[in-house]
Amino acid sequence: MTDMQNLIFKRKLLIPKEIKEMYPLSPEGVRAKEANDREICSIFTGESDKLLLVIGPCSADREDAVIDYISRLREVQEKVKDRIVIVPRIYTNKPRTTCIGYKGMLHQPDPSAGSDLLKGLIAIRKLHMDAIETTGFSCADEMLYPENHKYLSDLLSYVAVGARSVENQQHRMTSSGLEIPVGMKNPTSGNLSVMMNAIKAAQSQHTFIYRNWEVESKGNPLAHAILRGYVDADGINHPNYHYEDLAHLAELYAQSGLSFPAVVVDTNHSNSGKNHLEQVRIAKEVLHSARHNADIHRMVKGMMIESYLEDGCQKASGHVYGKSITDPCLGWEKSEKLIYDLAELWV
């Protein structure tokens, strides 16, 4: 039998260098990202006491609605810039538990059409570029495929490693070579030791294979925790954002010797039981906990909020502009009010 007979090699894709040369970031965009990186990194090192908000759609499904949403965020950012730093979510890869269903713009730049990964690679680069060029925001994306990070490495200011990927060796080692904050989510089981081991791995130096190169990483001290809740053996969601959960994480950090104890709380997913409206209450409770415990206050760096133009979600075949086609999101009016409320509460 021929080796790999069940795997069809369709075409060789352009490498990151080629696509970057086709779609280069302007000098103004480069300067905007550098300034954003400095401010965001200063939150994790403790030099800045501003609150980070990684906020935006569950998945970026169409460029026009995403840029519309981010442009609105730009206006809000100017009003809260003394207390809050906004990093828009442009999540172009969508992890699926069964690998079935809409997998994000990388796979389907047109959600109503089939997969086209070449068009997808170009589409996700253009979307992140347009965000910087039109709004000055360099955004966040999930590292679903570590080898694809190079396609966007000059555009991103924040990276998240998801609950299904956090135990993977390649995700951890690739994170160790990045110079921007990388959030490690707790796994879907809720085992915090897995997350803490991932952070330690990402903060350490490694030699490994990356895109057919032998590479060395220097370690990323800005790797940190993301609490997103968990699912038990019976499929029941459990939150891990409460005061006791945060105090426990602060203790784990104190025992670990890791650099810059830091957590970003994901207000959706299992923390909200995927009830998007609960994100408002959860975000405010996290700040309440921070006010009552100095260790928690030092550790809490921000929150991750799923938000779009319209409340809720629709099927991938839906046609409501600015409404999520994956997990339900908080609509614009509620999101805007929440940001202003958090700016007042964060002290």
Foldseek 3Di string as FASTA:
>chain_A
DDPPPVDDDDDDADALVVLCVVPPADPQLLVLLVVLLVVQVCLLQVVDLAAEEAEEAPEAQALVQRLVFLQVVLVLCVVLVNHYDYAYEHEAAADDPVPDDDGGQCQPVHLVDGGDNNVSLNSSQVSLSCSCVVRSHQHEYECPDLLSCSNCLSRHQEYEYDQVGLQPPSVLQSLLAHAHAYEYEHHQQNPVVSSVVSQVSQQPWDFDAHPNDTDIGHGYLRYAYEYEFHAHPVRATDGQLALVSLVVLLVVCVVNPGRRQAYAYELADSNPPLPQVSSLVSQLNNLVSLVVDVSSSSHYRYYYFHEWQDFFADDSPDDDRTAHNPGTHHHDVVVSVSVVVVSVSRD
